[in-house]
Amino acid sequence: MYKNSELELNRLLSKMLEIDASDLHFIVGKPPVYRVHSRLLEDTDYEVLSPEKIVSLSEALVPKEKKEILEHQRHVDFSYSFKDNHRLRVNTYYQKDTLAVSIRLIPNKIKTIEELNLPEVLKSFTDLKQGLVLVVGPTGHGKSTALASMIDLINHSRAEHILTIEDPVEYVFLQDKSIVSQREIYRDAVSFASALTAALREDPNVVMVGEMRDLDSIATTITLAETGHLVFATLHTNDAAQSVDRIVDVFPPYQQPQIRGQLASVLLGVVSVRLLAKVGGGLIPATEVMIVDTAIRNVIRENRTFEIYNIIHSSGSKGMMSLDRYLAELVRKNLVLYQNAAQYSRDNELFTSLVAR
């Protein structure tokens, strides 16, 4: 039974590559569902999945050491290698007391900033030596991909010790001018917080934090940025102002003034990414870029983060870019449709006026 399930899984994953799907879902009551260029497509050539079928497919997918975690926590993340070194990020979880699986394809080539159509200003963050850079945005909109492109640029540009802390490891960096240590939570470390604490003794120059999840991991990430390291991290937030507020709000009220001061000192920039359907097919990113300057530092310290968006919008000469301006530019260049871009606009009236210029 296991062997047959392994063959079925391989066929489904092979089709994922063939149709250029970014994700594959197994959920009871549906056939396998692929996400292709943001659209969900059912595999009409495959049977509707029963609870037993998903358990069988999971047996071929979930590593032995992860099965106990799945039963205890009712969900588990792990990476999975497929033919020709394709890597998958897998989340197996329970819903309505039945197993479900979400599979994300990690491209086996780390694309450059240019290949990803990201703004050139992102390269400026990779030239820095100390501080914190955040890459934020909704799930599935390219945070990990954008982050990997910046880390790999450092890897190919100068001799550093790059340390990544991830759950699970997604992109595998081929060491070039830098040495790269990649630690996976539960396999190489017990938690983000413990791995970050240990990082202080592992002599890194650059640290990539897969996700700042809780008070301990956020506090240690800020400490790393304060102590001579260049730190890149992700947050599940929508924009620069929300990211600052999320970090500060994790701490108890009596600590928040101190954290605002620390964050104002160490934060270098926030990159927010959205993926939109491109005219003619495929996806293209829209990006908000905040570069921390004196004005940004002041509003962070003084708890006036509501002013951040206006500062970004009026600071294009410094390399900053508001999301509305970026979306409008994509529409003006006929790269995305107006209605698709408008869904992600922060200020629809401003966005519309920028498109009309």
Protein backbone atom coordinates (compact mmCIF):
# COMPACT_ATOMS: atom_id res chain seq x y z
CA MET A 1 0.00 0.00 0.00
CA TYR A 2 2.83 2.38 0.90
CA LYS A 3 4.60 1.71 -2.42
CA ASN A 4 1.44 2.46 -4.41
CA SER A 5 0.92 5.67 -2.44
CA GLU A 6 4.50 6.72 -3.14
CA LEU A 7 3.95 6.21 -6.88
CA GLU A 8 0.68 8.20 -6.74
CA LEU A 9 2.39 11.00 -4.82
CA ASN A 10 5.21 11.13 -7.37
CA ARG A 11 2.66 11.41 -10.21
CA LEU A 12 0.87 14.28 -8.48
CA LEU A 13 4.12 16.10 -7.75
CA SER A 14 5.32 15.56 -11.32
CA LYS A 15 2.12 17.14 -12.60
CA MET A 16 2.75 20.06 -10.25
CA LEU A 17 6.01 20.70 -12.12
CA GLU A 18 4.44 20.15 -15.54
CA ILE A 19 1.66 22.72 -15.08
CA ASP A 20 3.89 25.23 -13.26
CA ALA A 21 1.85 25.08 -10.06
CA SER A 22 3.08 26.89 -6.97
CA ASP A 23 0.97 24.85 -4.53
CA LEU A 24 -0.84 21.54 -4.21
CA HIS A 25 -3.61 20.77 -1.70
CA PHE A 26 -5.07 17.48 -0.43
CA ILE A 27 -8.35 17.94 1.41
CA VAL A 28 -11.23 15.52 2.00
CA GLY A 29 -14.13 15.81 -0.45
CA LYS A 30 -12.09 17.32 -3.30
CA PRO A 31 -9.66 15.89 -5.84
CA PRO A 32 -6.10 17.25 -5.55
CA VAL A 33 -6.17 21.04 -6.08
CA TYR A 34 -3.31 22.95 -7.71
CA ARG A 35 -2.65 26.68 -7.48
CA VAL A 36 -1.45 27.97 -10.86
CA HIS A 37 -0.70 31.70 -11.14
CA SER A 38 -2.90 32.42 -8.09
CA ARG A 39 -5.89 30.39 -9.40
CA LEU A 40 -7.04 27.14 -7.77
CA LEU A 41 -7.57 24.30 -10.28
CA GLU A 42 -8.97 20.88 -9.41
CA ASP A 43 -7.30 17.81 -10.90
CA THR A 44 -10.34 16.40 -12.73
CA ASP A 45 -8.34 13.32 -13.78
CA TYR A 46 -8.03 12.22 -10.14
CA GLU A 47 -10.55 10.77 -7.71
CA VAL A 48 -12.17 12.76 -4.91
CA LEU A 49 -9.95 12.32 -1.86
CA SER A 50 -11.23 10.28 1.07
CA PRO A 51 -9.78 10.50 4.61
CA GLU A 52 -8.12 7.12 4.04
CA LYS A 53 -6.53 8.23 0.77
CA ILE A 54 -5.01 11.34 2.37
CA VAL A 55 -3.64 9.25 5.26
CA SER A 56 -2.10 6.92 2.69
CA LEU A 57 -0.51 9.77 0.71
CA SER A 58 0.73 11.34 3.95
CA GLU A 59 2.45 8.10 4.93
CA ALA A 60 4.60 8.49 1.82
CA LEU A 61 5.24 12.16 2.52
CA VAL A 62 5.70 12.82 6.25
CA PRO A 63 9.17 11.92 7.64
CA LYS A 64 9.20 9.47 10.54
CA GLU A 65 10.58 12.04 12.97
CA LYS A 66 7.72 14.43 12.15
CA LYS A 67 4.84 11.98 12.65
CA GLU A 68 4.88 12.23 16.44
CA ILE A 69 4.87 16.04 16.21
CA LEU A 70 1.89 15.85 13.83
CA GLU A 71 -0.09 13.69 16.24
CA HIS A 72 0.78 15.83 19.25
CA GLN A 73 0.48 19.33 17.76
CA ARG A 74 -2.07 18.42 15.05
CA HIS A 75 0.05 20.12 12.40
CA VAL A 76 3.67 19.97 11.26
CA ASP A 77 5.95 21.77 8.77
CA PHE A 78 8.79 20.08 6.92
CA SER A 79 10.75 20.19 3.68
CA TYR A 80 10.68 17.41 1.10
CA SER A 81 13.05 16.77 -1.80
CA PHE A 82 11.67 15.61 -5.11
CA LYS A 83 13.20 14.63 -8.47
CA ASP A 84 16.14 16.70 -9.79
CA ASN A 85 16.53 18.34 -6.36
CA HIS A 86 13.21 20.16 -6.41
CA ARG A 87 12.32 21.20 -2.87
CA LEU A 88 8.87 21.37 -1.36
CA ARG A 89 7.65 23.06 1.80
CA VAL A 90 4.90 20.92 3.28
CA ASN A 91 2.35 21.59 6.01
CA THR A 92 0.30 18.59 7.13
CA TYR A 93 -2.57 19.44 9.44
CA TYR A 94 -5.89 18.27 10.81
CA GLN A 95 -9.19 19.92 9.86
CA LYS A 96 -12.55 18.57 11.02
CA ASP A 97 -10.56 15.71 12.54
CA THR A 98 -9.21 14.59 9.15
CA LEU A 99 -5.77 15.03 7.65
CA ALA A 100 -5.11 17.71 5.04
CA VAL A 101 -1.89 18.62 3.22
CA SER A 102 -0.61 21.88 1.73
CA ILE A 103 2.49 21.65 -0.48
CA ARG A 104 4.48 24.66 -1.73
CA LEU A 105 7.06 24.28 -4.52
CA ILE A 106 10.36 26.01 -3.77
CA PRO A 107 12.14 26.78 -7.06
CA ASN A 108 15.52 25.04 -7.17
CA LYS A 109 17.19 28.15 -8.56
CA ILE A 110 17.42 31.29 -6.47
CA LYS A 111 16.47 34.10 -8.81
CA THR A 112 18.18 37.46 -8.75
CA ILE A 113 16.47 40.71 -7.81
CA GLU A 114 16.32 41.60 -11.52
CA GLU A 115 14.84 38.23 -12.51
CA LEU A 116 12.12 38.65 -9.87
CA ASN A 117 11.25 42.15 -11.16
CA LEU A 118 11.94 43.59 -7.71
CA PRO A 119 13.17 47.20 -7.36
CA GLU A 120 16.92 47.77 -7.61
CA VAL A 121 16.90 49.66 -4.30
CA LEU A 122 16.71 46.29 -2.49
CA LYS A 123 20.38 45.82 -3.38
CA SER A 124 21.26 48.75 -1.11
CA PHE A 125 20.16 46.73 1.94
CA THR A 126 22.63 43.96 1.08
CA ASP A 127 25.55 46.42 1.16
CA LEU A 128 24.96 47.28 4.83
CA LYS A 129 26.83 45.75 7.75
CA GLN A 130 24.56 46.10 10.76
CA GLY A 131 20.85 46.49 11.46
CA LEU A 132 17.48 44.91 10.70
CA VAL A 133 15.70 44.55 7.36
CA LEU A 134 12.12 43.20 7.34
CA VAL A 135 10.40 41.53 4.39
CA VAL A 136 6.65 41.43 4.93
CA GLY A 137 3.40 40.67 3.13
CA PRO A 138 0.57 38.14 3.00
CA THR A 139 1.26 34.41 2.92
CA GLY A 140 2.14 33.15 -0.54
CA HIS A 141 3.15 36.51 -1.98
CA GLY A 142 6.88 35.96 -2.32
CA LYS A 143 8.42 37.03 1.00
CA SER A 144 10.76 34.02 1.16
CA THR A 145 11.71 34.38 -2.51
CA ALA A 146 12.56 38.07 -2.16
CA LEU A 147 14.52 37.39 1.01
CA ALA A 148 16.48 34.56 -0.62
CA SER A 149 17.46 36.79 -3.55
CA MET A 150 18.97 39.38 -1.19
CA ILE A 151 20.80 36.77 0.90
CA ASP A 152 22.18 35.09 -2.23
CA LEU A 153 23.42 38.44 -3.54
CA ILE A 154 25.52 38.78 -0.36
CA ASN A 155 26.67 35.17 -0.79
CA HIS A 156 27.99 35.93 -4.29
CA SER A 157 29.34 39.41 -3.49
CA ARG A 158 31.49 39.21 -0.37
CA ALA A 159 33.05 36.89 2.19
CA GLU A 160 30.71 36.65 5.18
CA HIS A 161 29.35 33.98 7.49
CA ILE A 162 25.64 33.79 6.65
CA LEU A 163 23.45 31.96 9.16
CA THR A 164 19.82 31.12 8.34
CA ILE A 165 17.24 29.96 10.88
CA GLU A 166 14.15 28.51 9.22
CA ASP A 167 11.13 26.26 9.74
CA PRO A 168 11.65 24.46 7.44
CA VAL A 169 14.74 25.27 5.33
CA GLU A 170 13.37 26.38 1.97
CA TYR A 171 15.98 27.64 -0.49
CA VAL A 172 19.33 25.88 -0.29
CA PHE A 173 22.22 28.32 -0.79
CA LEU A 174 25.26 27.09 -2.71
CA GLN A 175 28.20 28.58 -0.87
CA ASP A 176 30.23 31.01 -2.94
CA LYS A 177 32.28 33.88 -1.48
CA SER A 178 30.43 33.44 1.82
CA ILE A 179 30.04 30.42 4.05
CA VAL A 180 26.39 29.58 4.71
CA SER A 181 25.04 27.69 7.73
CA GLN A 182 21.37 26.73 7.46
CA ARG A 183 19.59 25.59 10.65
CA GLU A 184 16.15 24.00 10.55
CA ILE A 185 13.89 24.22 13.59
CA TYR A 186 13.23 20.81 15.23
CA ARG A 187 16.03 19.22 13.21
CA ASP A 188 19.01 21.47 13.99
CA ALA A 189 17.51 23.57 16.81
CA VAL A 190 14.57 23.23 19.20
CA SER A 191 13.09 26.71 18.59
CA PHE A 192 13.65 30.04 16.86
CA ALA A 193 14.43 31.66 20.21
CA SER A 194 17.11 29.10 21.16
CA ALA A 195 18.66 29.19 17.67
CA LEU A 196 18.79 32.99 17.76
CA THR A 197 20.40 32.96 21.20
CA ALA A 198 22.97 30.44 19.98
CA ALA A 199 23.66 32.62 16.94
CA LEU A 200 25.44 35.11 19.20
CA ARG A 201 28.11 32.44 19.73
CA GLU A 202 28.34 31.21 16.14
CA ASP A 203 30.21 34.20 14.66
CA PRO A 204 27.75 35.17 11.90
CA ASN A 205 27.95 38.41 9.96
CA VAL A 206 24.52 38.04 8.36
CA VAL A 207 21.54 36.30 9.96
CA MET A 208 18.33 35.37 8.14
CA VAL A 209 15.36 34.67 10.42
CA GLY A 210 12.62 32.74 8.62
CA GLU A 211 9.93 34.24 10.83
CA MET A 212 9.78 36.40 13.95
CA ARG A 213 7.03 34.53 15.77
CA ASP A 214 6.86 35.59 19.39
CA LEU A 215 8.27 37.91 22.05
CA ASP A 216 11.43 35.84 22.63
CA SER A 217 12.35 35.52 18.96
CA ILE A 218 11.58 39.21 18.27
CA ALA A 219 13.60 40.40 21.27
CA THR A 220 16.60 38.23 20.33
CA THR A 221 16.41 39.34 16.69
CA ILE A 222 16.59 42.99 17.80
CA THR A 223 19.54 42.16 20.07
CA LEU A 224 21.37 40.52 17.14
CA ALA A 225 20.80 43.64 15.04
CA GLU A 226 22.14 45.80 17.87
CA THR A 227 25.30 43.75 18.35
CA GLY A 228 26.99 44.16 14.98
CA HIS A 229 24.98 41.80 12.75
CA LEU A 230 23.03 42.42 9.57
CA VAL A 231 19.69 40.67 10.15
CA PHE A 232 16.98 39.90 7.61
CA ALA A 233 13.62 38.64 8.88
CA THR A 234 10.03 38.12 7.80
CA LEU A 235 6.75 39.06 9.45
CA HIS A 236 3.17 38.23 8.47
CA THR A 237 2.14 41.87 8.26
CA ASN A 238 0.89 43.99 5.37
CA ASP A 239 3.07 47.10 5.37
CA ALA A 240 5.83 49.02 7.12
CA ALA A 241 3.66 50.80 9.70
CA GLN A 242 1.83 47.62 10.67
CA SER A 243 5.18 45.82 11.00
CA VAL A 244 6.52 48.38 13.48
CA ASP A 245 3.28 48.24 15.48
CA ARG A 246 3.27 44.42 15.51
CA ILE A 247 6.80 44.28 16.94
CA VAL A 248 6.12 46.87 19.61
CA ASP A 249 2.74 45.40 20.59
CA VAL A 250 4.27 41.99 21.32
CA PHE A 251 5.99 43.51 24.38
CA PRO A 252 4.25 44.42 27.66
CA PRO A 253 3.23 48.10 27.88
CA TYR A 254 6.00 49.08 30.31
CA GLN A 255 8.65 47.89 27.80
CA GLN A 256 7.16 49.44 24.69
CA PRO A 257 8.84 52.89 24.91
CA GLN A 258 12.22 51.16 25.20
CA ILE A 259 11.45 48.85 22.25
CA ARG A 260 10.39 51.80 20.09
CA GLY A 261 13.77 53.40 20.81
CA GLN A 262 15.67 50.20 20.01
CA LEU A 263 13.68 49.57 16.85
CA ALA A 264 14.19 53.16 15.67
CA SER A 265 17.94 52.65 16.09
CA VAL A 266 18.34 49.23 14.42
CA LEU A 267 15.66 49.15 11.70
CA LEU A 268 17.12 49.79 8.24
CA GLY A 269 14.11 49.19 6.05
CA VAL A 270 10.87 47.31 5.40
CA VAL A 271 10.02 45.67 2.07
CA SER A 272 6.38 44.69 1.54
CA VAL A 273 5.55 42.40 -1.39
CA ARG A 274 2.32 41.51 -3.23
CA LEU A 275 2.07 39.16 -6.20
CA LEU A 276 -0.41 40.11 -8.94
CA ALA A 277 -1.59 38.34 -12.06
CA LYS A 278 0.40 39.71 -14.98
CA VAL A 279 -1.23 40.65 -18.26
CA GLY A 280 -0.39 37.82 -20.65
CA GLY A 281 0.15 35.26 -17.89
CA GLY A 282 2.34 34.68 -14.87
CA LEU A 283 2.80 36.82 -11.77
CA ILE A 284 4.54 40.11 -11.07
CA PRO A 285 5.39 41.70 -7.71
CA ALA A 286 4.21 45.07 -6.45
CA THR A 287 6.48 46.40 -3.73
CA GLU A 288 6.40 48.97 -0.96
CA VAL A 289 9.88 50.03 0.18
CA MET A 290 10.56 51.99 3.36
CA ILE A 291 14.15 53.13 3.97
CA VAL A 292 14.62 54.28 7.53
CA ASP A 293 15.77 57.90 7.71
CA THR A 294 15.60 60.57 10.42
CA ALA A 295 11.90 61.24 9.83
CA ILE A 296 11.02 57.53 10.09
CA ARG A 297 13.13 57.12 13.23
CA ASN A 298 11.34 60.04 14.88
CA VAL A 299 7.83 58.74 14.20
CA ILE A 300 8.79 55.27 15.48
CA ARG A 301 10.23 56.68 18.72
CA GLU A 302 7.25 59.00 19.22
CA ASN A 303 4.60 56.35 18.45
CA ARG A 304 3.34 58.16 15.37
CA THR A 305 3.52 55.23 12.97
CA PHE A 306 0.33 56.42 11.23
CA GLU A 307 2.58 59.02 9.52
CA ILE A 308 4.88 56.40 7.96
CA TYR A 309 2.84 55.90 4.79
CA ASN A 310 2.84 59.61 3.93
CA ILE A 311 6.60 59.79 4.52
CA ILE A 312 7.15 56.84 2.18
CA HIS A 313 4.88 58.33 -0.47
CA SER A 314 6.70 61.69 -0.42
CA SER A 315 10.25 60.26 -0.30
CA GLY A 316 10.64 58.78 -3.76
CA SER A 317 13.88 60.71 -4.24
CA LYS A 318 15.41 58.66 -1.41
CA GLY A 319 14.49 55.36 -3.04
CA MET A 320 11.28 54.79 -1.09
CA MET A 321 8.18 53.59 -2.90
CA SER A 322 4.60 53.51 -1.68
CA LEU A 323 2.50 50.51 -2.66
CA ASP A 324 -0.13 52.70 -4.34
CA ARG A 325 2.52 54.38 -6.50
CA TYR A 326 4.04 51.02 -7.44
CA LEU A 327 0.63 49.54 -8.30
CA ALA A 328 -0.25 52.58 -10.40
CA GLU A 329 3.04 52.26 -12.29
CA LEU A 330 2.28 48.61 -13.11
CA VAL A 331 -1.14 49.61 -14.46
CA ARG A 332 0.30 52.51 -16.50
CA LYS A 333 2.82 50.10 -18.06
CA ASN A 334 -0.03 47.68 -18.93
CA LEU A 335 1.58 44.96 -16.84
CA VAL A 336 -1.47 44.41 -14.61
CA LEU A 337 -5.16 45.20 -14.93
CA TYR A 338 -6.57 48.16 -13.02
CA GLN A 339 -9.12 46.04 -11.15
CA ASN A 340 -6.46 43.56 -10.01
CA ALA A 341 -4.17 46.30 -8.75
CA ALA A 342 -7.02 48.15 -7.02
CA GLN A 343 -7.62 45.13 -4.77
CA TYR A 344 -4.27 45.80 -3.06
CA SER A 345 -4.45 49.59 -2.99
CA ARG A 346 -4.18 51.23 0.42
CA ASP A 347 -5.76 54.53 -0.64
CA ASN A 348 -8.00 53.86 -3.63
CA GLU A 349 -8.56 57.54 -4.40
CA LEU A 350 -4.82 58.25 -4.46
CA PHE A 351 -4.17 55.11 -6.49
CA THR A 352 -6.77 56.12 -9.09
CA SER A 353 -5.30 59.61 -9.39
CA LEU A 354 -1.80 58.18 -9.87
CA VAL A 355 -3.02 55.88 -12.64
CA ALA A 356 -4.62 58.84 -14.41
CA ARG A 357 -1.46 60.95 -14.48
